[in-house]
Amino acid sequence: MNDMAEMLADSAERLFGAEVSRNLQEAAEAGGWQAGLWQAVSDSGLQNLLVPEEAGGAGLAWAEAMPVLLAAQRHLPPVPFLEGVACAWMLHRVPDSRSAFGAVPADAVWTLGDAGGLAVLGDGCSGNVSLPWGRHAARALLWSEDAGWLLVDLAGASVDVRANIAGEPRDVLGLREARILARVPGLPGESAQVVGAQLRAIAIQAALERVLDQCVTYANERVQFGRPIGRFQAIQHLVAQVANHVVASRMAVAQACEAAGTAVWDEAVAVAKVTASRAAGEVAAMAHQVHGAMGFTYEHSLHFATRRLWSWRAECGGEAQWARWLGERAILRGGAAHWEHLTGVSG
């Protein structure tokens, strides 16, 4: 981690640690928008991690920004922070983007999705589109296989309010001749599914690390038969398995971040999403075993992470879907060529 990333990770830890409380999470899951938290995030400038320095950002690459993103997401902020980071990164591919996209408040909410279900005609689009945090968003970047990213004004869109099992908005917006403000070029291997899967993999990794910390803390504090349960071999075995999954997932997610924007980005994201999603299911189950009956209660905070793990595991393609995609690519490539592709060694 370079000095800039370390400083920003510390800032993210302080900001989200101070702002995100249990009461705030519960209010968000009840449907309230956390304007104070979002204003604090907007004022911090952390959404501009990937924006070039000459455009007022931190100028970090995805791999450099990963520790900052994890520091923020470990607090499970009930706002679209990761979506905002990705949108800011993509928007600044367009020269003079600030004037091209029109006046948008600094604290406006951005989101992203797939334009596959929309009818695009000229500078307008119509139809239904599924968007995370859609009810709160002012603008969206929608991926079109033909045109790249379409920047769409969501003003006037109808909203079918929906949520995942963690209470996060997963709305369906009805667009009627919504204005396309700009077209943003895509990078190699990029699509709404790839970017969305990368964001979910990062979010899963942060939640996994949070759950590991909770397991270690609880195992050391909970006393049974006169000693902490962490001294029992069965609990030690469970915590060790959780740690193994967390490390494996982190390595895969780091590789995906390293590959961002390159020709192998989609494959690296597929591996990361398979690894992280599989870890999400295993870790959630083992964490609840470590915590016993207490972990299944609403009063304990464990469920804020595990419900998100279960939700994010399936979003933007679950492990089965991405594993199938990887398998099909390997079959098309052929055995010898696939080995060379993986190792860089011919013959």
Protein backbone atom coordinates (compact mmCIF):
# COMPACT_ATOMS: atom_id res chain seq x y z
CA MET A 1 0.00 0.00 0.00
CA ASN A 2 1.48 3.36 -1.01
CA ASP A 3 1.42 6.39 1.27
CA MET A 4 -1.59 7.96 -0.45
CA ALA A 5 -3.64 4.76 -0.22
CA GLU A 6 -2.67 4.27 3.43
CA MET A 7 -3.70 7.82 4.30
CA LEU A 8 -7.02 7.45 2.47
CA ALA A 9 -7.69 4.06 4.09
CA ASP A 10 -7.20 5.66 7.50
CA SER A 11 -9.58 8.47 6.52
CA ALA A 12 -12.19 5.97 5.31
CA GLU A 13 -11.88 3.98 8.54
CA ARG A 14 -12.39 7.09 10.67
CA LEU A 15 -15.24 8.47 8.58
CA PHE A 16 -17.33 5.33 8.23
CA GLY A 17 -16.45 4.15 11.74
CA ALA A 18 -17.81 7.38 13.18
CA GLU A 19 -20.86 7.71 10.92
CA VAL A 20 -22.22 4.16 10.59
CA SER A 21 -24.04 2.96 13.69
CA ARG A 22 -26.52 0.20 14.36
CA ASN A 23 -29.34 2.75 14.58
CA LEU A 24 -28.37 4.16 11.20
CA GLN A 25 -28.32 0.69 9.62
CA GLU A 26 -31.71 -0.16 11.07
CA ALA A 27 -33.17 3.14 9.83
CA ALA A 28 -31.79 2.44 6.36
CA GLU A 29 -33.29 -1.05 6.29
CA ALA A 30 -36.64 0.48 7.24
CA GLY A 31 -36.46 2.46 3.99
CA GLY A 32 -34.96 5.77 5.10
CA TRP A 33 -32.28 7.56 3.10
CA GLN A 34 -29.22 8.38 5.17
CA ALA A 35 -28.64 11.91 3.89
CA GLY A 36 -26.18 12.82 6.65
CA LEU A 37 -23.91 9.88 5.90
CA TRP A 38 -24.08 10.50 2.17
CA GLN A 39 -23.26 14.18 2.64
CA ALA A 40 -20.25 13.21 4.76
CA VAL A 41 -19.08 10.78 2.07
CA SER A 42 -19.55 13.40 -0.65
CA ASP A 43 -17.69 16.04 1.35
CA SER A 44 -14.78 13.65 1.97
CA GLY A 45 -14.03 13.22 -1.73
CA LEU A 46 -13.47 9.49 -1.24
CA GLN A 47 -15.66 8.70 -4.24
CA ASN A 48 -12.93 10.22 -6.43
CA LEU A 49 -10.33 7.59 -5.52
CA LEU A 50 -9.97 6.43 -9.14
CA VAL A 51 -10.37 9.85 -10.78
CA PRO A 52 -7.15 11.29 -12.27
CA GLU A 53 -5.34 13.86 -10.17
CA GLU A 54 -5.68 16.52 -12.87
CA ALA A 55 -9.47 16.13 -12.57
CA GLY A 56 -9.40 16.56 -8.80
CA GLY A 57 -9.21 12.90 -7.76
CA ALA A 58 -6.67 10.75 -5.94
CA GLY A 59 -5.44 9.13 -9.15
CA LEU A 60 -5.30 5.61 -7.69
CA ALA A 61 -5.58 2.41 -9.70
CA TRP A 62 -8.15 -0.20 -8.61
CA ALA A 63 -5.44 -2.30 -6.93
CA GLU A 64 -4.16 0.72 -4.99
CA ALA A 65 -7.69 1.74 -4.02
CA MET A 66 -8.73 -1.71 -2.80
CA PRO A 67 -7.55 -1.21 0.84
CA VAL A 68 -9.48 2.07 0.97
CA LEU A 69 -12.64 0.46 -0.41
CA LEU A 70 -12.36 -2.41 2.07
CA ALA A 71 -11.81 -0.02 4.99
CA ALA A 72 -15.04 1.75 4.09
CA GLN A 73 -17.11 -1.33 3.28
CA ARG A 74 -16.17 -3.21 6.46
CA HIS A 75 -18.59 -0.87 8.22
CA LEU A 76 -21.40 -1.97 5.85
CA PRO A 77 -22.42 1.60 4.95
CA PRO A 78 -26.08 1.73 3.82
CA VAL A 79 -25.30 4.03 0.88
CA PRO A 80 -24.05 3.31 -2.68
CA PHE A 81 -20.41 4.17 -1.97
CA LEU A 82 -18.87 1.55 -4.28
CA GLU A 83 -21.27 2.41 -7.10
CA GLY A 84 -20.31 6.07 -6.72
CA VAL A 85 -16.60 5.25 -6.94
CA ALA A 86 -17.10 3.19 -10.10
CA CYS A 87 -19.31 5.82 -11.76
CA ALA A 88 -16.85 8.62 -11.03
CA TRP A 89 -14.07 6.52 -12.55
CA MET A 90 -16.03 5.86 -15.74
CA LEU A 91 -17.38 9.38 -16.19
CA HIS A 92 -13.94 10.95 -16.30
CA ARG A 93 -13.08 9.05 -19.47
CA VAL A 94 -15.02 11.78 -21.27
CA PRO A 95 -13.16 15.07 -21.87
CA ASP A 96 -14.59 18.04 -19.98
CA SER A 97 -17.05 15.69 -18.27
CA ARG A 98 -18.31 18.26 -15.77
CA SER A 99 -19.80 20.50 -18.44
CA ALA A 100 -20.82 17.62 -20.72
CA PHE A 101 -23.09 16.02 -18.12
CA GLY A 102 -24.85 19.13 -16.94
CA ALA A 103 -25.11 20.57 -13.47
CA VAL A 104 -25.41 17.84 -10.84
CA PRO A 105 -25.20 18.51 -7.08
CA ALA A 106 -22.02 17.25 -5.44
CA ASP A 107 -24.06 14.97 -3.20
CA ALA A 108 -26.14 13.47 -6.04
CA VAL A 109 -26.47 9.69 -6.08
CA TRP A 110 -25.15 7.72 -9.05
CA THR A 111 -25.77 4.08 -9.86
CA LEU A 112 -25.12 1.66 -12.71
CA GLY A 113 -26.86 -1.19 -14.48
CA ASP A 114 -27.55 -2.93 -17.78
CA ALA A 115 -29.46 -1.26 -20.63
CA GLY A 116 -30.32 -4.61 -22.22
CA GLY A 117 -34.04 -4.26 -21.53
CA LEU A 118 -34.31 -0.70 -22.82
CA ALA A 119 -35.31 0.65 -26.21
CA VAL A 120 -32.75 3.26 -27.24
CA LEU A 121 -33.82 5.78 -29.86
CA GLY A 122 -31.61 8.75 -30.56
CA ASP A 123 -30.89 10.60 -27.35
CA GLY A 124 -33.63 8.91 -25.35
CA CYS A 125 -34.38 5.48 -23.89
CA SER A 126 -37.51 3.78 -22.61
CA GLY A 127 -38.32 0.61 -20.70
CA ASN A 128 -37.68 -0.99 -17.33
CA VAL A 129 -34.26 -1.29 -15.77
CA SER A 130 -33.15 -2.83 -12.47
CA LEU A 131 -30.89 -0.49 -10.52
CA PRO A 132 -29.35 -0.79 -7.05
CA TRP A 133 -30.31 2.28 -5.00
CA GLY A 134 -32.45 3.38 -7.95
CA ARG A 135 -35.06 5.24 -5.89
CA HIS A 136 -32.37 7.63 -4.62
CA ALA A 137 -30.35 8.04 -7.83
CA ALA A 138 -30.26 11.14 -10.04
CA ARG A 139 -28.19 9.64 -12.85
CA ALA A 140 -27.25 6.15 -14.00
CA LEU A 141 -24.61 4.63 -16.22
CA LEU A 142 -26.26 1.86 -18.23
CA TRP A 143 -24.23 -0.62 -20.25
CA SER A 144 -25.13 -1.17 -23.90
CA GLU A 145 -23.33 -3.85 -25.89
CA ASP A 146 -23.49 -1.59 -28.95
CA ALA A 147 -22.76 1.83 -27.49
CA GLY A 148 -20.78 1.30 -24.27
CA TRP A 149 -21.99 3.20 -21.22
CA LEU A 150 -25.00 5.48 -21.57
CA LEU A 151 -25.30 8.28 -19.06
CA VAL A 152 -29.05 8.56 -18.38
CA ASP A 153 -30.99 11.22 -16.51
CA LEU A 154 -33.40 9.42 -14.16
CA ALA A 155 -35.63 12.44 -13.49
CA GLY A 156 -39.27 11.47 -13.84
CA ALA A 157 -38.70 7.72 -13.75
CA SER A 158 -41.32 5.59 -12.02
CA VAL A 159 -40.03 3.40 -9.20
CA ASP A 160 -41.05 -0.15 -8.32
CA VAL A 161 -39.58 -0.32 -4.81
CA ARG A 162 -37.74 -3.57 -4.12
CA ALA A 163 -35.01 -4.72 -1.75
CA ASN A 164 -32.68 -7.65 -1.15
CA ILE A 165 -32.78 -9.64 2.08
CA ALA A 166 -30.38 -7.14 3.66
CA GLY A 167 -32.91 -4.36 3.08
CA GLU A 168 -30.79 -2.63 0.42
CA PRO A 169 -32.71 -0.95 -2.43
CA ARG A 170 -32.82 -3.07 -5.57
CA ASP A 171 -35.47 -1.11 -7.44
CA VAL A 172 -36.92 -1.41 -10.93
CA LEU A 173 -37.20 1.98 -12.64
CA GLY A 174 -39.57 2.67 -15.48
CA LEU A 175 -38.03 5.08 -18.00
CA ARG A 176 -40.03 6.94 -20.61
CA GLU A 177 -37.89 8.74 -23.16
CA ALA A 178 -35.28 9.36 -20.47
CA ARG A 179 -32.52 11.66 -21.72
CA ILE A 180 -29.18 10.14 -22.68
CA LEU A 181 -26.76 12.86 -21.66
CA ALA A 182 -23.57 11.27 -22.94
CA ARG A 183 -21.97 8.06 -24.15
CA VAL A 184 -18.94 6.82 -22.24
CA PRO A 185 -16.55 4.39 -23.95
CA GLY A 186 -16.07 0.99 -22.39
CA LEU A 187 -12.74 -0.68 -21.61
CA PRO A 188 -11.60 -4.20 -22.65
CA GLY A 189 -13.64 -6.87 -20.89
CA GLU A 190 -16.01 -4.30 -19.41
CA SER A 191 -19.77 -4.63 -18.99
CA ALA A 192 -22.38 -3.93 -16.33
CA GLN A 193 -22.09 -7.55 -15.21
CA VAL A 194 -18.31 -7.39 -14.90
CA VAL A 195 -18.22 -4.05 -13.04
CA GLY A 196 -21.14 -5.10 -10.84
CA ALA A 197 -19.47 -8.42 -10.02
CA GLN A 198 -16.23 -6.64 -9.12
CA LEU A 199 -18.08 -4.28 -6.78
CA ARG A 200 -19.94 -7.19 -5.15
CA ALA A 201 -16.70 -9.16 -4.75
CA ILE A 202 -15.09 -6.19 -2.98
CA ALA A 203 -18.16 -5.76 -0.77
CA ILE A 204 -18.19 -9.48 0.06
CA GLN A 205 -14.50 -9.38 0.95
CA ALA A 206 -15.03 -6.48 3.33
CA ALA A 207 -17.94 -8.26 5.01
CA LEU A 208 -15.90 -11.48 5.26
CA GLU A 209 -13.13 -9.62 7.08
CA ARG A 210 -15.67 -8.06 9.41
CA VAL A 211 -17.18 -11.47 10.18
CA LEU A 212 -13.75 -12.97 10.85
CA ASP A 213 -13.03 -10.21 13.37
CA GLN A 214 -16.40 -10.83 15.02
CA CYS A 215 -15.71 -14.57 15.26
CA VAL A 216 -12.29 -14.05 16.86
CA THR A 217 -13.67 -11.48 19.32
CA TYR A 218 -16.65 -13.63 20.32
CA ALA A 219 -14.53 -16.79 20.68
CA ASN A 220 -12.19 -14.96 23.05
CA GLU A 221 -14.96 -13.30 25.09
CA ARG A 222 -17.62 -16.03 25.37
CA VAL A 223 -16.92 -18.26 28.36
CA GLN A 224 -18.30 -21.78 28.63
CA PHE A 225 -17.32 -24.45 31.16
CA GLY A 226 -14.97 -21.98 32.79
CA ARG A 227 -12.92 -20.93 29.77
CA PRO A 228 -13.28 -18.95 26.52
CA ILE A 229 -14.84 -21.05 23.78
CA GLY A 230 -11.90 -20.10 21.55
CA ARG A 231 -9.81 -22.60 23.52
CA PHE A 232 -11.98 -25.50 22.35
CA GLN A 233 -10.58 -27.31 19.35
CA ALA A 234 -13.90 -27.41 17.49
CA ILE A 235 -14.23 -23.62 17.65
CA GLN A 236 -10.58 -23.14 16.70
CA HIS A 237 -11.16 -25.33 13.66
CA LEU A 238 -14.17 -23.28 12.58
CA VAL A 239 -12.35 -19.96 12.99
CA ALA A 240 -9.35 -21.31 11.07
CA GLN A 241 -11.63 -22.34 8.19
CA VAL A 242 -13.22 -18.88 8.17
CA ALA A 243 -9.73 -17.32 8.01
CA ASN A 244 -8.74 -19.59 5.11
CA HIS A 245 -11.76 -18.52 3.09
CA VAL A 246 -11.11 -14.84 3.86
CA VAL A 247 -7.49 -15.06 2.66
CA ALA A 248 -8.35 -16.99 -0.51
CA SER A 249 -11.11 -14.53 -1.37
CA ARG A 250 -8.86 -11.53 -0.76
CA MET A 251 -6.22 -12.88 -3.14
CA ALA A 252 -8.81 -13.41 -5.89
CA VAL A 253 -10.36 -9.97 -5.39
CA ALA A 254 -6.92 -8.35 -5.45
CA GLN A 255 -6.19 -10.07 -8.77
CA ALA A 256 -9.45 -8.73 -10.21
CA CYS A 257 -8.55 -5.21 -9.10
CA GLU A 258 -5.07 -5.59 -10.61
CA ALA A 259 -6.61 -6.69 -13.92
CA ALA A 260 -9.14 -3.83 -14.18
CA GLY A 261 -9.18 -2.34 -17.67
CA THR A 262 -6.98 -5.04 -19.21
CA ALA A 263 -7.87 -7.78 -21.68
CA VAL A 264 -8.21 -10.38 -18.88
CA TRP A 265 -10.38 -8.26 -16.59
CA ASP A 266 -13.56 -10.24 -17.17
CA GLU A 267 -11.86 -13.55 -16.39
CA ALA A 268 -10.20 -12.18 -13.26
CA VAL A 269 -13.55 -10.83 -12.08
CA ALA A 270 -15.19 -14.19 -12.79
CA VAL A 271 -12.60 -15.97 -10.61
CA ALA A 272 -13.00 -13.35 -7.87
CA LYS A 273 -16.79 -13.58 -7.86
CA VAL A 274 -16.72 -17.40 -7.77
CA THR A 275 -14.22 -17.41 -4.91
CA ALA A 276 -15.84 -14.61 -2.92
CA SER A 277 -19.40 -15.92 -3.39
CA ARG A 278 -18.43 -19.41 -2.33
CA ALA A 279 -16.64 -18.00 0.70
CA ALA A 280 -19.73 -15.93 1.53
CA GLY A 281 -21.88 -19.02 1.92
CA GLU A 282 -19.31 -21.02 3.87
CA VAL A 283 -18.22 -18.20 6.15
CA ALA A 284 -21.76 -17.11 7.00
CA ALA A 285 -22.65 -20.67 8.02
CA MET A 286 -19.51 -21.19 10.11
CA ALA A 287 -19.75 -17.76 11.75
CA HIS A 288 -23.24 -18.58 13.00
CA GLN A 289 -21.90 -21.87 14.33
CA VAL A 290 -19.16 -20.04 16.23
CA HIS A 291 -21.69 -17.61 17.71
CA GLY A 292 -24.21 -20.33 18.52
CA ALA A 293 -27.78 -19.34 19.37
CA MET A 294 -26.77 -15.75 20.12
CA GLY A 295 -25.68 -15.21 16.52
CA PHE A 296 -29.15 -16.03 15.22
CA THR A 297 -30.83 -13.28 17.23
CA TYR A 298 -31.65 -9.86 15.79
CA GLU A 299 -30.08 -8.26 18.86
CA HIS A 300 -26.62 -9.46 17.85
CA SER A 301 -24.95 -7.52 15.03
CA LEU A 302 -23.69 -10.57 13.11
CA HIS A 303 -26.74 -10.64 10.84
CA PHE A 304 -25.97 -7.24 9.35
CA ALA A 305 -22.97 -8.85 7.66
CA THR A 306 -24.33 -12.34 6.97
CA ARG A 307 -27.55 -11.14 5.35
CA ARG A 308 -25.45 -9.01 3.02
CA LEU A 309 -23.18 -11.94 2.27
CA TRP A 310 -26.18 -14.04 1.28
CA SER A 311 -27.54 -11.20 -0.87
CA TRP A 312 -24.30 -10.18 -2.59
CA ARG A 313 -23.38 -13.81 -3.23
CA ALA A 314 -26.24 -14.08 -5.74
CA GLU A 315 -26.11 -10.58 -7.22
CA CYS A 316 -24.34 -9.86 -10.53
CA GLY A 317 -23.97 -13.59 -11.11
CA GLY A 318 -23.55 -16.28 -8.48
CA GLU A 319 -20.63 -18.70 -8.31
CA ALA A 320 -22.38 -21.30 -10.49
CA GLN A 321 -23.04 -18.80 -13.29
CA TRP A 322 -19.51 -17.42 -13.34
CA ALA A 323 -17.94 -20.89 -12.98
CA ARG A 324 -19.95 -22.05 -16.00
CA TRP A 325 -18.79 -18.99 -17.93
CA LEU A 326 -15.15 -19.77 -17.08
CA GLY A 327 -15.62 -23.41 -18.05
CA GLU A 328 -17.11 -22.51 -21.41
CA ARG A 329 -14.21 -20.16 -22.12
CA ALA A 330 -11.72 -22.91 -21.25
CA ILE A 331 -13.47 -25.44 -23.51
CA LEU A 332 -13.51 -23.02 -26.46
CA ARG A 333 -9.84 -22.22 -25.93
CA GLY A 334 -8.79 -25.90 -25.83
CA GLY A 335 -6.58 -27.72 -23.37
CA ALA A 336 -3.09 -26.73 -24.54
CA ALA A 337 -4.08 -23.14 -25.28
CA HIS A 338 -5.85 -22.85 -21.93
CA TRP A 339 -2.76 -24.04 -20.06
CA GLU A 340 -0.66 -21.49 -21.91
CA HIS A 341 -3.26 -18.83 -21.15
CA LEU A 342 -3.12 -19.63 -17.42
CA THR A 343 0.62 -20.00 -17.05
CA GLY A 344 2.13 -18.02 -19.88
CA VAL A 345 4.19 -21.11 -20.75
CA SER A 346 3.81 -22.54 -24.25
CA GLY A 347 4.12 -26.21 -25.12
